[in-house]
Amino acid sequence: MAPYCHGFPARGEVLRAIQVAGDGHSGGARFGKLWSFHKMQNLRRTVTPNDPRYNPNDSAMTTIHCNVRR
């Protein structure tokens, strides 16, 4: 998983990320996928944003806690 943005939509806590390995695929017409933060464990990764669809001001989140800068 390549995480790009962490924040809070109307409810809960989410991480916008692209799945880079394993079964499944995220991406498509919109950038990445919103992953439910409370289900994640042991996340550690350095990310260089290289997807042109990445928006550090993710409109799916009402509050952004942190994100990867371009």
N, C-alpha and C. Protein backbone atom coordinates (compact mmCIF):
# COMPACT_ATOMS: atom_id res chain seq x y z
N MET A 1 0.85 -1.16 0.00
CA MET A 1 0.00 0.00 0.00
C MET A 1 0.90 1.23 0.00
N ALA A 2 0.57 2.18 -0.84
CA ALA A 2 1.29 3.45 -0.87
C ALA A 2 0.34 4.53 -0.34
N PRO A 3 0.50 4.92 0.94
CA PRO A 3 -0.39 5.91 1.53
C PRO A 3 -0.04 7.32 1.07
N TYR A 4 -1.07 8.13 0.88
CA TYR A 4 -0.86 9.50 0.43
C TYR A 4 -1.47 10.54 1.37
N CYS A 5 -2.62 10.23 1.97
CA CYS A 5 -3.32 11.26 2.74
C CYS A 5 -4.12 10.59 3.86
N HIS A 6 -4.06 11.18 5.05
CA HIS A 6 -4.79 10.68 6.21
C HIS A 6 -5.71 11.79 6.69
N GLY A 7 -6.96 11.44 6.96
CA GLY A 7 -7.88 12.47 7.43
C GLY A 7 -9.21 11.91 7.88
N PHE A 8 -10.16 12.81 8.00
CA PHE A 8 -11.46 12.49 8.58
C PHE A 8 -12.57 12.95 7.64
N PRO A 9 -13.33 12.00 7.07
CA PRO A 9 -14.51 12.39 6.30
C PRO A 9 -15.62 12.78 7.27
N ALA A 10 -16.84 12.81 6.82
CA ALA A 10 -17.95 13.14 7.71
C ALA A 10 -18.01 12.21 8.92
N ARG A 11 -17.60 10.95 8.72
CA ARG A 11 -17.59 9.96 9.81
C ARG A 11 -16.32 9.14 9.73
N GLY A 12 -15.74 8.81 10.86
CA GLY A 12 -14.61 7.91 10.92
C GLY A 12 -13.27 8.56 10.65
N GLU A 13 -12.32 7.71 10.26
CA GLU A 13 -10.94 8.11 9.99
C GLU A 13 -10.45 7.26 8.83
N VAL A 14 -9.85 7.87 7.82
CA VAL A 14 -9.48 7.14 6.61
C VAL A 14 -8.07 7.49 6.14
N LEU A 15 -7.57 6.62 5.29
CA LEU A 15 -6.29 6.82 4.63
C LEU A 15 -6.52 6.66 3.14
N ARG A 16 -6.10 7.65 2.33
CA ARG A 16 -6.18 7.54 0.88
C ARG A 16 -4.88 6.89 0.44
N ALA A 17 -4.97 5.74 -0.24
CA ALA A 17 -3.78 4.99 -0.62
C ALA A 17 -4.03 4.20 -1.89
N ILE A 18 -2.92 3.80 -2.51
CA ILE A 18 -2.96 2.93 -3.68
C ILE A 18 -2.44 1.58 -3.26
N GLN A 19 -3.15 0.53 -3.59
CA GLN A 19 -2.70 -0.83 -3.33
C GLN A 19 -1.65 -1.18 -4.37
N VAL A 20 -0.44 -1.52 -3.93
CA VAL A 20 0.65 -1.78 -4.85
C VAL A 20 1.04 -3.25 -4.94
N ALA A 21 0.48 -4.09 -4.08
CA ALA A 21 0.79 -5.52 -4.11
C ALA A 21 -0.40 -6.31 -3.59
N GLY A 22 -0.41 -7.59 -3.88
CA GLY A 22 -1.46 -8.48 -3.39
C GLY A 22 -2.66 -8.50 -4.31
N ASP A 23 -3.71 -9.17 -3.84
CA ASP A 23 -4.94 -9.28 -4.62
C ASP A 23 -5.68 -7.95 -4.62
N GLY A 24 -6.37 -7.70 -5.68
CA GLY A 24 -7.16 -6.48 -5.76
C GLY A 24 -6.41 -5.36 -6.44
N HIS A 25 -7.08 -4.26 -6.60
CA HIS A 25 -6.51 -3.12 -7.30
C HIS A 25 -7.23 -1.87 -6.81
N SER A 26 -6.50 -0.81 -6.60
CA SER A 26 -7.16 0.46 -6.31
C SER A 26 -6.67 1.48 -7.32
N GLY A 27 -7.44 2.46 -7.54
CA GLY A 27 -7.10 3.47 -8.54
C GLY A 27 -8.28 3.68 -9.43
N GLY A 28 -8.08 3.59 -10.72
CA GLY A 28 -9.19 3.74 -11.65
C GLY A 28 -9.42 5.19 -11.97
N ALA A 29 -10.68 5.54 -12.18
CA ALA A 29 -11.03 6.88 -12.61
C ALA A 29 -10.65 7.93 -11.57
N ARG A 30 -10.79 7.60 -10.30
CA ARG A 30 -10.40 8.51 -9.23
C ARG A 30 -9.10 8.01 -8.62
N PHE A 31 -8.44 8.87 -7.88
CA PHE A 31 -7.14 8.51 -7.31
C PHE A 31 -7.30 7.62 -6.09
N GLY A 32 -6.65 6.47 -6.12
CA GLY A 32 -6.56 5.61 -4.95
C GLY A 32 -7.89 5.14 -4.40
N LYS A 33 -7.83 4.75 -3.16
CA LYS A 33 -8.98 4.20 -2.46
C LYS A 33 -8.96 4.72 -1.04
N LEU A 34 -10.13 4.90 -0.45
CA LEU A 34 -10.21 5.26 0.96
C LEU A 34 -10.22 3.98 1.79
N TRP A 35 -9.25 3.85 2.67
CA TRP A 35 -9.13 2.67 3.54
C TRP A 35 -9.53 3.08 4.95
N SER A 36 -10.33 2.25 5.60
CA SER A 36 -10.75 2.50 6.98
C SER A 36 -9.55 2.39 7.91
N PHE A 37 -9.21 3.47 8.57
CA PHE A 37 -7.99 3.54 9.37
C PHE A 37 -8.00 2.58 10.55
N HIS A 38 -9.14 2.39 11.20
CA HIS A 38 -9.18 1.57 12.41
C HIS A 38 -8.90 0.08 12.13
N LYS A 39 -8.91 -0.34 10.87
CA LYS A 39 -8.63 -1.74 10.53
C LYS A 39 -7.16 -1.99 10.21
N MET A 40 -6.34 -0.95 10.18
CA MET A 40 -4.93 -1.09 9.78
C MET A 40 -4.02 -1.33 10.97
N GLN A 41 -2.90 -2.02 10.69
CA GLN A 41 -1.90 -2.28 11.72
C GLN A 41 -0.51 -2.17 11.13
N ASN A 42 0.43 -1.69 11.91
CA ASN A 42 1.86 -1.68 11.57
C ASN A 42 2.17 -1.04 10.21
N LEU A 43 1.64 0.14 9.98
CA LEU A 43 1.92 0.85 8.72
C LEU A 43 3.25 1.59 8.83
N ARG A 44 4.16 1.30 7.92
CA ARG A 44 5.44 2.00 7.86
C ARG A 44 5.88 2.04 6.41
N ARG A 45 6.02 3.24 5.87
CA ARG A 45 6.45 3.34 4.49
C ARG A 45 6.79 4.79 4.17
N THR A 46 7.82 4.98 3.38
CA THR A 46 8.16 6.29 2.85
C THR A 46 7.61 6.36 1.44
N VAL A 47 6.89 7.43 1.14
CA VAL A 47 6.21 7.54 -0.15
C VAL A 47 6.65 8.80 -0.87
N THR A 48 6.95 8.65 -2.13
CA THR A 48 7.18 9.79 -3.01
C THR A 48 5.99 9.85 -3.96
N PRO A 49 5.17 10.89 -3.87
CA PRO A 49 3.98 10.94 -4.71
C PRO A 49 4.36 11.05 -6.18
N ASN A 50 3.98 10.05 -6.96
CA ASN A 50 4.32 10.07 -8.37
C ASN A 50 3.11 9.82 -9.27
N ASP A 51 1.93 9.84 -8.68
CA ASP A 51 0.72 9.65 -9.46
C ASP A 51 0.14 11.01 -9.81
N PRO A 52 -0.03 11.33 -11.08
CA PRO A 52 -0.53 12.65 -11.47
C PRO A 52 -1.95 12.94 -10.99
N ARG A 53 -2.68 11.91 -10.59
CA ARG A 53 -4.05 12.11 -10.10
C ARG A 53 -4.10 12.47 -8.62
N TYR A 54 -2.97 12.41 -7.92
CA TYR A 54 -2.93 12.69 -6.49
C TYR A 54 -3.25 14.15 -6.21
N ASN A 55 -4.17 14.37 -5.28
CA ASN A 55 -4.54 15.72 -4.85
C ASN A 55 -4.30 15.81 -3.35
N PRO A 56 -3.30 16.57 -2.89
CA PRO A 56 -3.03 16.66 -1.45
C PRO A 56 -4.17 17.31 -0.66
N ASN A 57 -5.09 17.97 -1.34
CA ASN A 57 -6.27 18.56 -0.70
C ASN A 57 -7.49 17.70 -0.99
N ASP A 58 -7.44 16.45 -0.58
CA ASP A 58 -8.45 15.43 -0.89
C ASP A 58 -9.84 15.90 -0.48
N SER A 59 -10.75 16.00 -1.45
CA SER A 59 -12.10 16.50 -1.18
C SER A 59 -12.98 15.49 -0.45
N ALA A 60 -12.54 14.23 -0.32
CA ALA A 60 -13.33 13.23 0.40
C ALA A 60 -13.22 13.41 1.91
N MET A 61 -12.28 14.25 2.36
CA MET A 61 -12.05 14.44 3.79
C MET A 61 -12.41 15.87 4.18
N THR A 62 -13.19 16.00 5.26
CA THR A 62 -13.53 17.32 5.75
C THR A 62 -12.35 17.93 6.51
N THR A 63 -11.53 17.09 7.13
CA THR A 63 -10.31 17.52 7.82
C THR A 63 -9.17 16.61 7.41
N ILE A 64 -8.05 17.18 6.99
CA ILE A 64 -6.87 16.40 6.64
C ILE A 64 -5.85 16.54 7.77
N HIS A 65 -5.49 15.41 8.36
CA HIS A 65 -4.51 15.39 9.44
C HIS A 65 -3.10 15.53 8.90
N CYS A 66 -2.76 14.75 7.86
CA CYS A 66 -1.46 14.82 7.23
C CYS A 66 -1.55 14.25 5.82
N ASN A 67 -0.61 14.62 4.97
CA ASN A 67 -0.59 14.11 3.60
C ASN A 67 0.83 14.17 3.05
N VAL A 68 1.03 13.52 1.94
CA VAL A 68 2.31 13.54 1.26
C VAL A 68 2.35 14.79 0.40
N ARG A 69 3.40 15.56 0.53
CA ARG A 69 3.55 16.77 -0.27
C ARG A 69 4.14 16.46 -1.63
N ARG A 70 3.74 17.19 -2.62
CA ARG A 70 4.29 17.04 -3.98
C ARG A 70 5.70 17.55 -4.02
